[in-house]
Amino acid sequence: MTLVNCTLKQLRAELDPAAFVQVHKSYLVAVRHVISRDSHQLQLSNHTLIKIGDAYKPQARLLLGQA
């Protein structure tokens, strides 16, 4: 986990949109670290489970290859 002193919107603007996806109002994840997913959550390579927010599901599916 990395802590930064800016909003997710600001951080998202600085990062490659093909490499990072916002999946919840509080979570921005590196696509390369996603090892599994279902319609409600992602599992990262460090085994952390991240909830996918309802508002972010369409974008998460598209960017994570579940279109």
N, C-alpha and C. Protein backbone atom coordinates (compact mmCIF):
# COMPACT_ATOMS: atom_id res chain seq x y z
N MET A 1 0.84 -1.17 0.00
CA MET A 1 0.00 0.00 0.00
C MET A 1 0.89 1.23 0.00
N THR A 2 0.48 2.23 -0.76
CA THR A 2 1.22 3.47 -0.83
C THR A 2 0.31 4.61 -0.41
N LEU A 3 0.80 5.48 0.46
CA LEU A 3 0.04 6.64 0.88
C LEU A 3 0.54 7.87 0.14
N VAL A 4 -0.38 8.68 -0.35
CA VAL A 4 -0.03 9.90 -1.05
C VAL A 4 -0.90 11.04 -0.54
N ASN A 5 -0.45 12.25 -0.73
CA ASN A 5 -1.17 13.42 -0.26
C ASN A 5 -1.83 14.14 -1.44
N CYS A 6 -2.78 13.44 -2.08
CA CYS A 6 -3.57 14.04 -3.16
C CYS A 6 -4.85 13.22 -3.30
N THR A 7 -5.77 13.71 -4.10
CA THR A 7 -7.01 12.97 -4.30
C THR A 7 -6.79 11.84 -5.29
N LEU A 8 -7.69 10.86 -5.27
CA LEU A 8 -7.59 9.78 -6.25
C LEU A 8 -7.75 10.32 -7.66
N LYS A 9 -8.58 11.32 -7.83
CA LYS A 9 -8.76 11.93 -9.15
C LYS A 9 -7.44 12.51 -9.66
N GLN A 10 -6.71 13.20 -8.80
CA GLN A 10 -5.41 13.76 -9.18
C GLN A 10 -4.41 12.65 -9.49
N LEU A 11 -4.39 11.63 -8.65
CA LEU A 11 -3.47 10.52 -8.85
C LEU A 11 -3.79 9.78 -10.14
N ARG A 12 -5.07 9.51 -10.38
CA ARG A 12 -5.50 8.81 -11.59
C ARG A 12 -5.07 9.57 -12.84
N ALA A 13 -5.10 10.89 -12.80
CA ALA A 13 -4.69 11.71 -13.94
C ALA A 13 -3.20 11.58 -14.24
N GLU A 14 -2.41 11.26 -13.22
CA GLU A 14 -0.95 11.12 -13.38
C GLU A 14 -0.53 9.73 -13.87
N LEU A 15 -1.39 8.73 -13.69
CA LEU A 15 -1.02 7.35 -13.98
C LEU A 15 -1.53 6.90 -15.35
N ASP A 16 -0.91 5.87 -15.89
CA ASP A 16 -1.31 5.28 -17.16
C ASP A 16 -2.67 4.60 -16.98
N PRO A 17 -3.70 5.05 -17.71
CA PRO A 17 -5.03 4.46 -17.55
C PRO A 17 -5.12 3.00 -17.99
N ALA A 18 -4.17 2.52 -18.75
CA ALA A 18 -4.14 1.10 -19.13
C ALA A 18 -3.53 0.24 -18.03
N ALA A 19 -2.79 0.85 -17.12
CA ALA A 19 -2.10 0.11 -16.07
C ALA A 19 -2.81 0.19 -14.71
N PHE A 20 -3.64 1.22 -14.52
CA PHE A 20 -4.32 1.42 -13.23
C PHE A 20 -5.80 1.65 -13.47
N VAL A 21 -6.64 1.08 -12.62
CA VAL A 21 -8.08 1.25 -12.74
C VAL A 21 -8.67 1.55 -11.37
N GLN A 22 -9.60 2.50 -11.34
CA GLN A 22 -10.31 2.78 -10.10
C GLN A 22 -11.49 1.83 -10.03
N VAL A 23 -11.58 1.06 -8.94
CA VAL A 23 -12.62 0.05 -8.80
C VAL A 23 -13.57 0.35 -7.64
N HIS A 24 -13.29 1.43 -6.93
CA HIS A 24 -14.10 1.81 -5.77
C HIS A 24 -13.77 3.26 -5.48
N LYS A 25 -14.64 3.95 -4.77
CA LYS A 25 -14.34 5.36 -4.48
C LYS A 25 -13.07 5.52 -3.67
N SER A 26 -12.62 4.46 -3.03
CA SER A 26 -11.42 4.52 -2.20
C SER A 26 -10.24 3.73 -2.73
N TYR A 27 -10.40 3.02 -3.87
CA TYR A 27 -9.35 2.13 -4.34
C TYR A 27 -9.00 2.34 -5.81
N LEU A 28 -7.73 2.46 -6.05
CA LEU A 28 -7.15 2.49 -7.38
C LEU A 28 -6.15 1.33 -7.40
N VAL A 29 -6.27 0.41 -8.36
CA VAL A 29 -5.41 -0.76 -8.35
C VAL A 29 -4.58 -0.87 -9.63
N ALA A 30 -3.42 -1.48 -9.50
CA ALA A 30 -2.57 -1.79 -10.65
C ALA A 30 -3.10 -3.06 -11.29
N VAL A 31 -3.46 -2.98 -12.55
CA VAL A 31 -4.05 -4.11 -13.27
C VAL A 31 -3.14 -5.33 -13.21
N ARG A 32 -1.83 -5.13 -13.28
CA ARG A 32 -0.90 -6.28 -13.29
C ARG A 32 -0.90 -7.06 -11.98
N HIS A 33 -1.44 -6.49 -10.92
CA HIS A 33 -1.47 -7.18 -9.63
C HIS A 33 -2.79 -7.90 -9.37
N VAL A 34 -3.74 -7.80 -10.29
CA VAL A 34 -5.02 -8.49 -10.13
C VAL A 34 -4.82 -9.93 -10.57
N ILE A 35 -5.06 -10.87 -9.63
CA ILE A 35 -4.87 -12.29 -9.97
C ILE A 35 -6.20 -13.02 -10.15
N SER A 36 -7.28 -12.49 -9.57
CA SER A 36 -8.60 -13.08 -9.80
C SER A 36 -9.65 -12.02 -9.52
N ARG A 37 -10.85 -12.29 -10.05
CA ARG A 37 -11.93 -11.33 -9.88
C ARG A 37 -13.26 -12.04 -10.03
N ASP A 38 -14.25 -11.47 -9.41
CA ASP A 38 -15.63 -11.87 -9.68
C ASP A 38 -16.43 -10.58 -9.79
N SER A 39 -17.73 -10.66 -9.75
CA SER A 39 -18.52 -9.45 -9.98
C SER A 39 -18.50 -8.49 -8.80
N HIS A 40 -17.96 -8.91 -7.65
CA HIS A 40 -17.99 -8.07 -6.46
C HIS A 40 -16.63 -7.67 -5.91
N GLN A 41 -15.59 -8.41 -6.25
CA GLN A 41 -14.29 -8.11 -5.67
C GLN A 41 -13.14 -8.60 -6.54
N LEU A 42 -11.96 -8.06 -6.23
CA LEU A 42 -10.72 -8.45 -6.88
C LEU A 42 -9.81 -9.06 -5.84
N GLN A 43 -8.96 -9.97 -6.26
CA GLN A 43 -7.89 -10.45 -5.39
C GLN A 43 -6.58 -10.02 -6.01
N LEU A 44 -5.75 -9.38 -5.21
CA LEU A 44 -4.45 -8.89 -5.68
C LEU A 44 -3.37 -9.93 -5.43
N SER A 45 -2.22 -9.73 -6.02
CA SER A 45 -1.12 -10.69 -5.90
C SER A 45 -0.64 -10.88 -4.46
N ASN A 46 -0.91 -9.91 -3.59
CA ASN A 46 -0.54 -10.08 -2.17
C ASN A 46 -1.70 -10.65 -1.37
N HIS A 47 -2.72 -11.17 -2.06
CA HIS A 47 -3.90 -11.83 -1.50
C HIS A 47 -4.89 -10.88 -0.83
N THR A 48 -4.71 -9.57 -1.03
CA THR A 48 -5.66 -8.59 -0.53
C THR A 48 -6.93 -8.65 -1.38
N LEU A 49 -8.09 -8.61 -0.73
CA LEU A 49 -9.36 -8.56 -1.43
C LEU A 49 -9.84 -7.12 -1.48
N ILE A 50 -10.21 -6.65 -2.66
CA ILE A 50 -10.67 -5.29 -2.87
C ILE A 50 -12.09 -5.34 -3.42
N LYS A 51 -13.01 -4.67 -2.75
CA LYS A 51 -14.39 -4.61 -3.21
C LYS A 51 -14.48 -3.72 -4.45
N ILE A 52 -15.29 -4.14 -5.42
CA ILE A 52 -15.58 -3.31 -6.59
C ILE A 52 -16.87 -2.56 -6.30
N GLY A 53 -16.80 -1.24 -6.31
CA GLY A 53 -17.98 -0.42 -6.07
C GLY A 53 -18.94 -0.50 -7.24
N ASP A 54 -20.24 -0.42 -6.94
CA ASP A 54 -21.26 -0.53 -7.99
C ASP A 54 -21.05 0.48 -9.12
N ALA A 55 -20.68 1.69 -8.79
CA ALA A 55 -20.49 2.73 -9.80
C ALA A 55 -19.29 2.46 -10.71
N TYR A 56 -18.37 1.61 -10.27
CA TYR A 56 -17.13 1.35 -11.01
C TYR A 56 -17.14 0.00 -11.75
N LYS A 57 -18.19 -0.80 -11.57
CA LYS A 57 -18.23 -2.13 -12.18
C LYS A 57 -18.12 -2.12 -13.70
N PRO A 58 -18.86 -1.27 -14.42
CA PRO A 58 -18.71 -1.30 -15.89
C PRO A 58 -17.29 -0.99 -16.36
N GLN A 59 -16.68 0.01 -15.80
CA GLN A 59 -15.31 0.38 -16.19
C GLN A 59 -14.32 -0.71 -15.77
N ALA A 60 -14.49 -1.26 -14.58
CA ALA A 60 -13.59 -2.32 -14.11
C ALA A 60 -13.68 -3.53 -15.02
N ARG A 61 -14.88 -3.93 -15.40
CA ARG A 61 -15.05 -5.09 -16.30
C ARG A 61 -14.34 -4.84 -17.63
N LEU A 62 -14.54 -3.66 -18.18
CA LEU A 62 -13.93 -3.33 -19.46
C LEU A 62 -12.40 -3.35 -19.38
N LEU A 63 -11.83 -2.67 -18.40
CA LEU A 63 -10.38 -2.57 -18.29
C LEU A 63 -9.73 -3.85 -17.80
N LEU A 64 -10.47 -4.69 -17.11
CA LEU A 64 -9.91 -5.92 -16.61
C LEU A 64 -10.26 -7.12 -17.49
N GLY A 65 -10.81 -6.85 -18.66
CA GLY A 65 -11.03 -7.91 -19.63
C GLY A 65 -12.27 -8.75 -19.42
N GLN A 66 -13.29 -8.19 -18.81
CA GLN A 66 -14.55 -8.94 -18.62
C GLN A 66 -15.69 -8.28 -19.37
N ALA A 67 -15.43 -7.65 -20.48
CA ALA A 67 -16.45 -6.91 -21.21
C ALA A 67 -17.58 -7.73 -21.68
